[in-house]
C-alpha atoms as a PDB file:
ATOM      1  CA  MET A   1      22.729   0.539   1.334  1.00  0.00           C
ATOM      2  CA  ASN A   2      24.994   2.010  -1.371  1.00  0.00           C
ATOM      3  CA  HIS A   3      26.666   5.481  -1.006  1.00  0.00           C
ATOM      4  CA  PHE A   4      24.199   7.115  -3.393  1.00  0.00           C
ATOM      5  CA  ALA A   5      21.209   5.712  -1.506  1.00  0.00           C
ATOM      6  CA  ARG A   6      22.601   6.831   1.849  1.00  0.00           C
ATOM      7  CA  CYS A   7      23.236  10.371   0.577  1.00  0.00           C
ATOM      8  CA  LEU A   8      19.667  10.554  -0.612  1.00  0.00           C
ATOM      9  CA  PHE A   9      18.470   9.378   2.745  1.00  0.00           C
ATOM     10  CA  LEU A  10      20.420  12.056   4.558  1.00  0.00           C
ATOM     11  CA  ILE A  11      18.930  14.668   2.260  1.00  0.00           C
ATOM     12  CA  ASN A  12      15.508  13.210   3.219  1.00  0.00           C
ATOM     13  CA  ILE A  13      16.220  13.673   6.986  1.00  0.00           C
ATOM     14  CA  LEU A  14      17.260  17.260   6.521  1.00  0.00           C
ATOM     15  CA  PHE A  15      14.454  18.187   4.059  1.00  0.00           C
ATOM     16  CA  ALA A  16      12.482  21.165   5.283  1.00  0.00           C
ATOM     17  CA  HIS A  17       8.638  21.146   5.353  1.00  0.00           C
ATOM     18  CA  PHE A  18       6.794  22.562   2.383  1.00  0.00           C
ATOM     19  CA  SER A  19       3.066  23.224   1.961  1.00  0.00           C
ATOM     20  CA  PHE A  20       1.054  22.843  -1.148  1.00  0.00           C
ATOM     21  CA  GLY A  21      -2.249  24.013  -2.665  1.00  0.00           C
ATOM     22  CA  GLN A  22      -5.817  23.887  -1.547  1.00  0.00           C
ATOM     23  CA  ILE A  23      -7.744  20.712  -1.000  1.00  0.00           C
ATOM     24  CA  ILE A  24     -11.043  20.042  -2.842  1.00  0.00           C
ATOM     25  CA  ASP A  25     -13.145  18.667   0.028  1.00  0.00           C
ATOM     26  CA  ASP A  26     -16.894  18.283  -0.270  1.00  0.00           C
ATOM     27  CA  ALA A  27     -17.293  16.067   2.708  1.00  0.00           C
ATOM     28  CA  SER A  28     -15.244  17.962   5.309  1.00  0.00           C
ATOM     29  CA  ILE A  29     -12.950  15.077   5.738  1.00  0.00           C
ATOM     30  CA  VAL A  30      -9.859  17.332   5.662  1.00  0.00           C
ATOM     31  CA  LYS A  31      -9.158  19.398   8.823  1.00  0.00           C
ATOM     32  CA  ASN A  32     -10.109  23.119   8.246  1.00  0.00           C
ATOM     33  CA  GLY A  33      -7.108  25.071   6.895  1.00  0.00           C
ATOM     34  CA  ALA A  34      -4.873  21.966   6.594  1.00  0.00           C
ATOM     35  CA  LYS A  35      -2.277  21.943   3.838  1.00  0.00           C
ATOM     36  CA  LEU A  36      -0.397  19.076   2.310  1.00  0.00           C
ATOM     37  CA  ILE A  37       3.083  18.972   3.774  1.00  0.00           C
ATOM     38  CA  LYS A  38       6.130  17.231   2.333  1.00  0.00           C
ATOM     39  CA  ILE A  39       7.958  15.782   5.234  1.00  0.00           C
ATOM     40  CA  GLY A  40      10.667  13.803   3.407  1.00  0.00           C
ATOM     41  CA  SER A  41      12.358  13.841   0.017  1.00  0.00           C
ATOM     42  CA  GLY A  42      15.369  12.429  -1.691  1.00  0.00           C
ATOM     43  CA  PHE A  43      14.024   8.926  -2.252  1.00  0.00           C
ATOM     44  CA  ILE A  44      13.771   7.340  -5.739  1.00  0.00           C
ATOM     45  CA  PHE A  45      10.199   5.971  -5.600  1.00  0.00           C
ATOM     46  CA  THR A  46       8.153   5.719  -2.454  1.00  0.00           C
ATOM     47  CA  GLU A  47       5.417   3.093  -2.000  1.00  0.00           C
ATOM     48  CA  GLY A  48       3.451   0.830   0.311  1.00  0.00           C
ATOM     49  CA  PRO A  49       2.801   2.826   3.538  1.00  0.00           C
ATOM     50  CA  ALA A  50       1.530   0.764   6.475  1.00  0.00           C
ATOM     51  CA  VAL A  51       0.843   1.769  10.097  1.00  0.00           C
ATOM     52  CA  ASP A  52       1.510  -0.243  13.209  1.00  0.00           C
ATOM     53  CA  LYS A  53      -0.482  -0.194  16.494  1.00  0.00           C
ATOM     54  CA  MET A  54       1.514   2.684  17.832  1.00  0.00           C
ATOM     55  CA  GLY A  55       0.853   4.905  14.812  1.00  0.00           C
ATOM     56  CA  ASN A  56       4.301   4.581  13.325  1.00  0.00           C
ATOM     57  CA  VAL A  57       4.311   4.525   9.474  1.00  0.00           C
ATOM     58  CA  PHE A  58       6.511   2.329   7.447  1.00  0.00           C
ATOM     59  CA  PHE A  59       7.004   2.799   3.646  1.00  0.00           C
ATOM     60  CA  THR A  60       9.215   1.463   0.944  1.00  0.00           C
ATOM     61  CA  ASP A  61      11.755   2.980  -1.408  1.00  0.00           C
ATOM     62  CA  GLN A  62      11.730   0.094  -3.849  1.00  0.00           C
ATOM     63  CA  PRO A  63      14.636   1.140  -6.201  1.00  0.00           C
ATOM     64  CA  ASN A  64      16.853   1.547  -3.067  1.00  0.00           C
ATOM     65  CA  ASN A  65      15.693  -1.755  -1.655  1.00  0.00           C
ATOM     66  CA  THR A  66      14.743  -0.121   1.704  1.00  0.00           C
ATOM     67  CA  ILE A  67      11.955   0.171   4.135  1.00  0.00           C
ATOM     68  CA  VAL A  68      11.792   3.485   6.059  1.00  0.00           C
ATOM     69  CA  LYS A  69      10.064   4.106   9.420  1.00  0.00           C
ATOM     70  CA  TRP A  70       8.449   7.424  10.396  1.00  0.00           C
ATOM     71  CA  SER A  71       8.196   7.599  14.246  1.00  0.00           C
ATOM     72  CA  ALA A  72       4.873   8.783  15.727  1.00  0.00           C
ATOM     73  CA  ASN A  73       6.783   9.938  18.804  1.00  0.00           C
ATOM     74  CA  SER A  74       9.672  11.872  17.269  1.00  0.00           C
ATOM     75  CA  GLY A  75       8.549  12.591  13.718  1.00  0.00           C
ATOM     76  CA  GLN A  76      11.897  11.304  12.519  1.00  0.00           C
ATOM     77  CA  LEU A  77      12.636   9.024   9.582  1.00  0.00           C
ATOM     78  CA  ASN A  78      14.983   6.083   9.973  1.00  0.00           C
ATOM     79  CA  ILE A  79      15.837   2.986   8.013  1.00  0.00           C
ATOM     80  CA  PHE A  80      13.956  -0.018   9.180  1.00  0.00           C
ATOM     81  CA  SER A  81      15.548  -2.427   6.664  1.00  0.00           C
ATOM     82  CA  ASP A  82      18.134  -1.935   3.990  1.00  0.00           C
ATOM     83  CA  ASN A  83      17.456  -5.470   2.548  1.00  0.00           C
ATOM     84  CA  SER A  84      13.740  -5.324   1.926  1.00  0.00           C
ATOM     85  CA  GLY A  85      13.549  -7.823  -0.956  1.00  0.00           C
ATOM     86  CA  ARG A  86      12.596  -4.827  -3.125  1.00  0.00           C
ATOM     87  CA  ALA A  87       9.463  -4.601  -1.151  1.00  0.00           C
ATOM     88  CA  ASN A  88       6.415  -2.798  -2.611  1.00  0.00           C
ATOM     89  CA  GLY A  89       3.112  -3.020  -0.650  1.00  0.00           C
ATOM     90  CA  LEU A  90       3.216  -3.478   3.157  1.00  0.00           C
ATOM     91  CA  TYR A  91       0.687  -4.389   5.867  1.00  0.00           C
ATOM     92  CA  PHE A  92       0.917  -5.316   9.535  1.00  0.00           C
ATOM     93  CA  ASP A  93      -0.456  -8.554  10.967  1.00  0.00           C
ATOM     94  CA  SER A  94      -2.049  -8.812  14.431  1.00  0.00           C
ATOM     95  CA  ASN A  95       1.218  -9.973  15.953  1.00  0.00           C
ATOM     96  CA  GLY A  96       3.071  -6.783  14.920  1.00  0.00           C
ATOM     97  CA  ASN A  97       4.930  -8.446  12.001  1.00  0.00           C
ATOM     98  CA  LEU A  98       5.354  -6.338   8.807  1.00  0.00           C
ATOM     99  CA  LEU A  99       4.254  -8.165   5.779  1.00  0.00           C
ATOM    100  CA  ALA A 100       5.749  -7.217   2.552  1.00  0.00           C
ATOM    101  CA  CYS A 101       5.287  -8.002  -1.221  1.00  0.00           C
ATOM    102  CA  ALA A 102       8.996  -8.754  -1.834  1.00  0.00           C
ATOM    103  CA  ASP A 103       9.421  -8.195  -5.556  1.00  0.00           C
ATOM    104  CA  MET A 104      13.037  -9.221  -5.827  1.00  0.00           C
ATOM    105  CA  ASP A 105      12.151 -12.911  -6.017  1.00  0.00           C
ATOM    106  CA  ASN A 106       8.346 -12.572  -6.305  1.00  0.00           C
ATOM    107  CA  GLN A 107       7.672 -13.613  -2.709  1.00  0.00           C
ATOM    108  CA  ILE A 108       5.668 -12.632   0.435  1.00  0.00           C
ATOM    109  CA  TRP A 109       8.004 -11.757   3.298  1.00  0.00           C
ATOM    110  CA  SER A 110       7.349 -11.170   6.978  1.00  0.00           C
ATOM    111  CA  PHE A 111       9.520  -8.837   9.011  1.00  0.00           C
ATOM    112  CA  SER A 112       9.694  -9.167  12.805  1.00  0.00           C
ATOM    113  CA  PRO A 113       9.868  -5.902  14.860  1.00  0.00           C
ATOM    114  CA  ASP A 114      13.665  -6.139  14.897  1.00  0.00           C
ATOM    115  CA  GLY A 115      13.781  -6.136  11.106  1.00  0.00           C
ATOM    116  CA  LYS A 116      14.591  -9.846  10.485  1.00  0.00           C
ATOM    117  CA  HIS A 117      12.671 -11.390   7.707  1.00  0.00           C
ATOM    118  CA  LYS A 118      11.465 -14.850   6.625  1.00  0.00           C
ATOM    119  CA  VAL A 119       9.712 -15.978   3.427  1.00  0.00           C
ATOM    120  CA  LEU A 120       6.031 -16.809   3.827  1.00  0.00           C
ATOM    121  CA  LEU A 121       5.290 -17.639   0.261  1.00  0.00           C
ATOM    122  CA  ASP A 122       7.661 -18.487  -2.592  1.00  0.00           C
ATOM    123  CA  LEU A 123       5.781 -20.365  -5.295  1.00  0.00           C
ATOM    124  CA  TYR A 124       2.231 -20.986  -6.498  1.00  0.00           C
ATOM    125  CA  ASP A 125       1.523 -24.209  -8.376  1.00  0.00           C
ATOM    126  CA  GLY A 126       5.232 -24.869  -8.514  1.00  0.00           C
ATOM    127  CA  LYS A 127       6.031 -21.607 -10.325  1.00  0.00           C
ATOM    128  CA  LYS A 128       7.068 -18.105  -9.310  1.00  0.00           C
ATOM    129  CA  LEU A 129       4.423 -15.511  -8.911  1.00  0.00           C
ATOM    130  CA  ASN A 130       4.376 -12.561 -11.420  1.00  0.00           C
ATOM    131  CA  GLY A 131       5.270 -10.046  -8.795  1.00  0.00           C
ATOM    132  CA  PRO A 132       3.177  -9.521  -5.579  1.00  0.00           C
ATOM    133  CA  ASN A 133       2.299  -5.913  -5.478  1.00  0.00           C
ATOM    134  CA  ASP A 134      -0.080  -5.048  -2.645  1.00  0.00           C
ATOM    135  CA  LEU A 135      -1.686  -6.975   0.304  1.00  0.00           C
ATOM    136  CA  TRP A 136      -4.285  -6.791   3.051  1.00  0.00           C
ATOM    137  CA  VAL A 137      -4.573  -8.898   6.134  1.00  0.00           C
ATOM    138  CA  HIS A 138      -8.062 -10.192   6.983  1.00  0.00           C
ATOM    139  CA  PRO A 139      -9.176 -10.228  10.681  1.00  0.00           C
ATOM    140  CA  ASN A 140      -8.809 -14.037  10.561  1.00  0.00           C
ATOM    141  CA  GLY A 141      -5.145 -13.605   9.788  1.00  0.00           C
ATOM    142  CA  GLY A 142      -5.344 -14.666   6.131  1.00  0.00           C
ATOM    143  CA  ILE A 143      -3.739 -12.514   3.478  1.00  0.00           C
ATOM    144  CA  PHE A 144      -5.329 -11.184   0.259  1.00  0.00           C
ATOM    145  CA  PHE A 145      -2.765 -10.011  -2.282  1.00  0.00           C
ATOM    146  CA  THR A 146      -2.518  -8.854  -5.928  1.00  0.00           C
ATOM    147  CA  ASP A 147      -0.085 -10.300  -8.420  1.00  0.00           C
ATOM    148  CA  PRO A 148       0.278  -8.179 -11.548  1.00  0.00           C
ATOM    149  CA  LEU A 149       3.327  -8.096 -13.851  1.00  0.00           C
ATOM    150  CA  TYR A 150       5.625  -5.118 -13.843  1.00  0.00           C
ATOM    151  CA  LYS A 151       8.919  -6.127 -15.397  1.00  0.00           C
ATOM    152  CA  ARG A 152      11.913  -5.165 -13.225  1.00  0.00           C
ATOM    153  CA  ASN A 153      15.431  -4.518 -14.475  1.00  0.00           C
ATOM    154  CA  TYR A 154      16.861  -6.179 -11.340  1.00  0.00           C
ATOM    155  CA  TRP A 155      15.280  -9.562 -12.012  1.00  0.00           C
ATOM    156  CA  THR A 156      17.632 -12.355 -12.915  1.00  0.00           C
ATOM    157  CA  ARG A 157      14.811 -14.740 -13.790  1.00  0.00           C
ATOM    158  CA  ASN A 158      12.771 -14.700 -17.033  1.00  0.00           C
ATOM    159  CA  PRO A 159      10.954 -11.400 -16.951  1.00  0.00           C
ATOM    160  CA  ASP A 160       7.881 -12.680 -18.691  1.00  0.00           C
ATOM    161  CA  ARG A 161       4.686 -13.503 -16.943  1.00  0.00           C
ATOM    162  CA  GLN A 162       5.095 -16.611 -14.790  1.00  0.00           C
ATOM    163  CA  GLN A 163       1.458 -17.419 -14.033  1.00  0.00           C
ATOM    164  CA  ASP A 164      -1.367 -17.797 -16.604  1.00  0.00           C
ATOM    165  CA  GLY A 165      -2.673 -14.344 -15.824  1.00  0.00           C
ATOM    166  CA  GLU A 166      -2.616 -11.450 -13.302  1.00  0.00           C
ATOM    167  CA  HIS A 167      -4.793 -12.445 -10.405  1.00  0.00           C
ATOM    168  CA  VAL A 168      -5.847 -11.964  -6.807  1.00  0.00           C
ATOM    169  CA  TYR A 169      -4.903 -14.585  -4.233  1.00  0.00           C
ATOM    170  CA  PHE A 170      -5.778 -15.574  -0.659  1.00  0.00           C
ATOM    171  CA  MET A 171      -3.188 -17.275   1.609  1.00  0.00           C
ATOM    172  CA  SER A 172      -4.202 -18.738   5.002  1.00  0.00           C
ATOM    173  CA  GLN A 173      -2.445 -17.481   8.120  1.00  0.00           C
ATOM    174  CA  ASP A 174      -0.378 -20.660   8.394  1.00  0.00           C
ATOM    175  CA  GLY A 175       0.566 -20.482   4.713  1.00  0.00           C
ATOM    176  CA  LYS A 176      -0.701 -23.967   4.035  1.00  0.00           C
ATOM    177  CA  LYS A 177      -3.525 -22.813   1.766  1.00  0.00           C
ATOM    178  CA  VAL A 178      -3.007 -20.488  -1.167  1.00  0.00           C
ATOM    179  CA  GLU A 179      -5.698 -20.084  -3.886  1.00  0.00           C
ATOM    180  CA  ARG A 180      -6.743 -17.721  -6.513  1.00  0.00           C
ATOM    181  CA  VAL A 181      -9.911 -15.752  -5.670  1.00  0.00           C
ATOM    182  CA  GLU A 182     -10.242 -13.344  -8.573  1.00  0.00           C
ATOM    183  CA  THR A 183      -9.100 -14.100 -12.190  1.00  0.00           C
ATOM    184  CA  THR A 184     -11.121 -11.685 -14.306  1.00  0.00           C
ATOM    185  CA  LEU A 185      -9.218  -8.490 -13.897  1.00  0.00           C
ATOM    186  CA  VAL A 186      -6.675  -6.971 -16.346  1.00  0.00           C
ATOM    187  CA  LYS A 187      -4.049  -5.849 -13.901  1.00  0.00           C
ATOM    188  CA  PRO A 188      -5.057  -5.930 -10.152  1.00  0.00           C
ATOM    189  CA  ASN A 189      -2.989  -3.628  -8.006  1.00  0.00           C
ATOM    190  CA  GLY A 190      -4.241  -1.806  -4.862  1.00  0.00           C
ATOM    191  CA  ILE A 191      -6.221  -3.805  -2.329  1.00  0.00           C
ATOM    192  CA  VAL A 192      -7.869  -3.119   1.029  1.00  0.00           C
ATOM    193  CA  GLY A 193     -10.651  -4.598   3.169  1.00  0.00           C
ATOM    194  CA  SER A 194     -13.088  -3.425   5.757  1.00  0.00           C
ATOM    195  CA  ALA A 195     -12.414  -3.728   9.495  1.00  0.00           C
ATOM    196  CA  ASN A 196     -15.008  -6.394   9.943  1.00  0.00           C
ATOM    197  CA  GLY A 197     -13.515  -8.458   7.179  1.00  0.00           C
ATOM    198  CA  LYS A 198     -16.790  -8.607   5.133  1.00  0.00           C
ATOM    199  CA  LEU A 199     -15.807  -6.306   2.272  1.00  0.00           C
ATOM    200  CA  LEU A 200     -12.746  -6.200  -0.091  1.00  0.00           C
ATOM    201  CA  TYR A 201     -11.866  -3.513  -2.572  1.00  0.00           C
ATOM    202  CA  VAL A 202      -9.570  -4.291  -5.491  1.00  0.00           C
ATOM    203  CA  ALA A 203      -8.298  -1.799  -8.012  1.00  0.00           C
ATOM    204  CA  ASP A 204      -7.876  -2.985 -11.569  1.00  0.00           C
ATOM    205  CA  ILE A 205      -5.369  -0.348 -12.696  1.00  0.00           C
ATOM    206  CA  GLY A 206      -5.164  -2.092 -16.153  1.00  0.00           C
ATOM    207  CA  GLY A 207      -8.906  -1.918 -16.560  1.00  0.00           C
ATOM    208  CA  LYS A 208      -9.238   1.623 -15.005  1.00  0.00           C
ATOM    209  CA  LYS A 209     -11.847   0.468 -12.543  1.00  0.00           C
ATOM    210  CA  THR A 210     -12.142  -0.412  -8.837  1.00  0.00           C
ATOM    211  CA  TYR A 211     -14.386  -3.211  -7.623  1.00  0.00           C
ATOM    212  CA  SER A 212     -15.926  -4.211  -4.312  1.00  0.00           C
ATOM    213  CA  TYR A 213     -16.578  -7.826  -3.216  1.00  0.00           C
ATOM    214  CA  ARG A 214     -18.164  -9.558  -0.320  1.00  0.00           C
ATOM    215  CA  ILE A 215     -15.855 -12.093   1.452  1.00  0.00           C
ATOM    216  CA  ASN A 216     -17.648 -15.291   2.403  1.00  0.00           C
ATOM    217  CA  LYS A 217     -16.895 -17.652   5.319  1.00  0.00           C
ATOM    218  CA  ASN A 218     -14.532 -19.656   3.033  1.00  0.00           C
ATOM    219  CA  ASN A 219     -12.517 -16.525   2.108  1.00  0.00           C
ATOM    220  CA  GLN A 220     -13.941 -16.488  -1.407  1.00  0.00           C
ATOM    221  CA  LEU A 221     -14.957 -13.302  -3.161  1.00  0.00           C
ATOM    222  CA  ILE A 222     -18.593 -13.051  -4.109  1.00  0.00           C
ATOM    223  CA  ASP A 223     -21.061 -10.351  -5.255  1.00  0.00           C
ATOM    224  CA  LYS A 224     -18.571  -8.388  -7.388  1.00  0.00           C
ATOM    225  CA  LYS A 225     -19.646  -4.822  -8.007  1.00  0.00           C
ATOM    226  CA  LEU A 226     -18.176  -1.895  -9.837  1.00  0.00           C
ATOM    227  CA  PHE A 227     -17.229   0.598  -7.179  1.00  0.00           C
ATOM    228  CA  ALA A 228     -15.538   3.433  -9.062  1.00  0.00           C
ATOM    229  CA  GLU A 229     -14.717   4.205 -12.751  1.00  0.00           C
ATOM    230  CA  MET A 230     -11.008   4.586 -12.027  1.00  0.00           C
ATOM    231  CA  GLY A 231      -8.158   2.255 -11.113  1.00  0.00           C
ATOM    232  CA  SER A 232      -5.661   2.877  -8.411  1.00  0.00           C
ATOM    233  CA  ASP A 233      -2.059   2.033  -7.389  1.00  0.00           C
ATOM    234  CA  GLY A 234      -2.544   1.872  -3.614  1.00  0.00           C
ATOM    235  CA  MET A 235      -5.567   2.534  -1.425  1.00  0.00           C
ATOM    236  CA  THR A 236      -6.924   2.931   2.137  1.00  0.00           C
ATOM    237  CA  LEU A 237     -10.138   3.229   4.147  1.00  0.00           C
ATOM    238  CA  ASP A 238     -11.169   5.688   6.879  1.00  0.00           C
ATOM    239  CA  GLN A 239     -13.429   5.107   9.894  1.00  0.00           C
ATOM    240  CA  LYS A 240     -16.479   6.236   7.884  1.00  0.00           C
ATOM    241  CA  GLY A 241     -15.845   3.627   5.096  1.00  0.00           C
ATOM    242  CA  ASN A 242     -14.634   6.228   2.573  1.00  0.00           C
ATOM    243  CA  VAL A 243     -12.205   4.693   0.045  1.00  0.00           C
ATOM    244  CA  TYR A 244      -9.000   6.614  -0.957  1.00  0.00           C
ATOM    245  CA  LEU A 245      -7.677   5.876  -4.462  1.00  0.00           C
ATOM    246  CA  THR A 246      -4.358   7.062  -5.838  1.00  0.00           C
ATOM    247  CA  GLY A 247      -2.682   8.004  -9.113  1.00  0.00           C
ATOM    248  CA  ASN A 248      -3.495  11.604  -9.856  1.00  0.00           C
ATOM    249  CA  GLY A 249      -3.213  12.819  -6.353  1.00  0.00           C
ATOM    250  CA  VAL A 250      -5.736  11.113  -3.985  1.00  0.00           C
ATOM    251  CA  THR A 251      -9.373  10.735  -4.904  1.00  0.00           C
ATOM    252  CA  VAL A 252     -11.866   9.900  -2.158  1.00  0.00           C
ATOM    253  CA  PHE A 253     -15.185   8.044  -2.631  1.00  0.00           C
ATOM    254  CA  ASN A 254     -17.823   7.420   0.029  1.00  0.00           C
ATOM    255  CA  LYS A 255     -19.000   3.866   0.677  1.00  0.00           C
ATOM    256  CA  LYS A 256     -21.605   4.209  -2.036  1.00  0.00           C
ATOM    257  CA  GLY A 257     -18.919   4.933  -4.660  1.00  0.00           C
ATOM    258  CA  VAL A 258     -19.723   8.675  -4.958  1.00  0.00           C
ATOM    259  CA  LYS A 259     -16.722  10.883  -5.298  1.00  0.00           C
ATOM    260  CA  ILE A 260     -16.598  13.268  -2.359  1.00  0.00           C
ATOM    261  CA  ALA A 261     -13.082  14.752  -2.465  1.00  0.00           C
ATOM    262  CA  HIS A 262      -9.833  15.106  -4.376  1.00  0.00           C
ATOM    263  CA  ILE A 263      -6.482  15.839  -2.749  1.00  0.00           C
ATOM    264  CA  PRO A 264      -4.044  17.269  -5.349  1.00  0.00           C
ATOM    265  CA  VAL A 265      -0.391  16.317  -5.090  1.00  0.00           C
ATOM    266  CA  THR A 266       2.248  18.139  -7.063  1.00  0.00           C
ATOM    267  CA  ALA A 267       4.265  14.897  -7.790  1.00  0.00           C
ATOM    268  CA  ARG A 268       3.682  13.318 -11.195  1.00  0.00           C
ATOM    269  CA  TRP A 269       2.319  10.030  -9.654  1.00  0.00           C
ATOM    270  CA  THR A 270       0.785   9.321  -6.257  1.00  0.00           C
ATOM    271  CA  ALA A 271       1.502   5.709  -5.401  1.00  0.00           C
ATOM    272  CA  ASN A 272      -0.112   4.912  -2.088  1.00  0.00           C
ATOM    273  CA  VAL A 273      -1.697   6.158   1.040  1.00  0.00           C
ATOM    274  CA  CYS A 274      -2.514   5.229   4.687  1.00  0.00           C
ATOM    275  CA  PHE A 275      -3.546   6.859   7.966  1.00  0.00           C
ATOM    276  CA  GLY A 276      -1.003   7.123  10.780  1.00  0.00           C
ATOM    277  CA  GLY A 277       0.127   9.056  13.768  1.00  0.00           C
ATOM    278  CA  SER A 278      -0.715   8.521  17.388  1.00  0.00           C
ATOM    279  CA  ASP A 279      -4.430   8.935  16.785  1.00  0.00           C
ATOM    280  CA  LYS A 280      -4.590   7.722  13.212  1.00  0.00           C
ATOM    281  CA  SER A 281      -5.843  11.090  11.940  1.00  0.00           C
ATOM    282  CA  THR A 282      -2.998  12.056   9.710  1.00  0.00           C
ATOM    283  CA  LEU A 283      -3.006  10.923   6.055  1.00  0.00           C
ATOM    284  CA  PHE A 284       0.358   9.805   4.752  1.00  0.00           C
ATOM    285  CA  ILE A 285       0.882   9.845   1.041  1.00  0.00           C
ATOM    286  CA  THR A 286       3.804   8.335  -0.880  1.00  0.00           C
ATOM    287  CA  ALA A 287       4.432  10.056  -4.209  1.00  0.00           C
ATOM    288  CA  MET A 288       7.549   9.797  -6.380  1.00  0.00           C
ATOM    289  CA  ASP A 289      10.515  10.817  -4.364  1.00  0.00           C
ATOM    290  CA  GLY A 290       8.577  12.059  -1.372  1.00  0.00           C
ATOM    291  CA  LEU A 291       6.461  11.408   1.696  1.00  0.00           C
ATOM    292  CA  TYR A 292       3.548  13.738   2.416  1.00  0.00           C
ATOM    293  CA  THR A 293       1.121  14.325   5.231  1.00  0.00           C
ATOM    294  CA  LEU A 294      -2.338  15.955   5.667  1.00  0.00           C
ATOM    295  CA  ASP A 295      -4.262  16.506   8.819  1.00  0.00           C
ATOM    296  CA  MET A 296      -7.729  15.018   8.662  1.00  0.00           C
ATOM    297  CA  ASN A 297     -11.068  15.185  10.433  1.00  0.00           C
ATOM    298  CA  VAL A 298     -11.422  11.384  10.047  1.00  0.00           C
ATOM    299  CA  LYS A 299      -9.282   8.579  11.238  1.00  0.00           C
ATOM    300  CA  GLY A 300      -8.039   5.447   9.634  1.00  0.00           C
ATOM    301  CA  LEU A 301      -9.238   2.023  10.658  1.00  0.00           C
END
């Protein structure tokens, strides 16, 4: 980590808690009287929060090439990796490995609990991916991920689109099978699935829509339906099946696609969201240079 990044991280650790405005909550999903609290600042751009089995939350600071861990026990923030491959979206597999969309070389990485990484996916059809952005792990161990194009100033390769479009992919747990499962979206971004592995939600941020799909036994996406008339950067689900979309704060839809709540965030852009903490009832929100929390009446999956 360079000196500038380390100074920003120290500011983050010392940052005092701040609370923000009222929550619009028609479904009582937010704990009564809860306020949005900024628990960390001084990053450049926070993204990709993911929770492990203990409730610890990991998130990325992509411009600083780091993954940061929030401890469910101490509430402290510490660097998990200072060589993240410019990671964006994160998700844990069933073995406790942290999977990452490593945007430096357009790969999928896996981090062991001690922070060592290996490359799970490097090429598709003999070519680089556009830039894996977000991913979700199916109960069968397979990985669904989105591959939009966001040109990065740190790329040394040709910055133009490498694939013939911006698509959604499925990769088997052993990495031997990789295939496109959705090719009709403008710019797929956020992605998340249900706990039983039967439903997948994909946000088309370029088309300003979010869709739901059923996942069949062959890991193909079928029965595509418009879920919400808005796109999203990142997304998550709670135990009731409510879907949380990001961008302008956090907008919550019930499983029928009806908007039930909006959580305003003062930052210019809200990138991503997940549930964490020891009982998974705290909503963690990454937005611009900060990390925010909100106490909820519902729990994450």
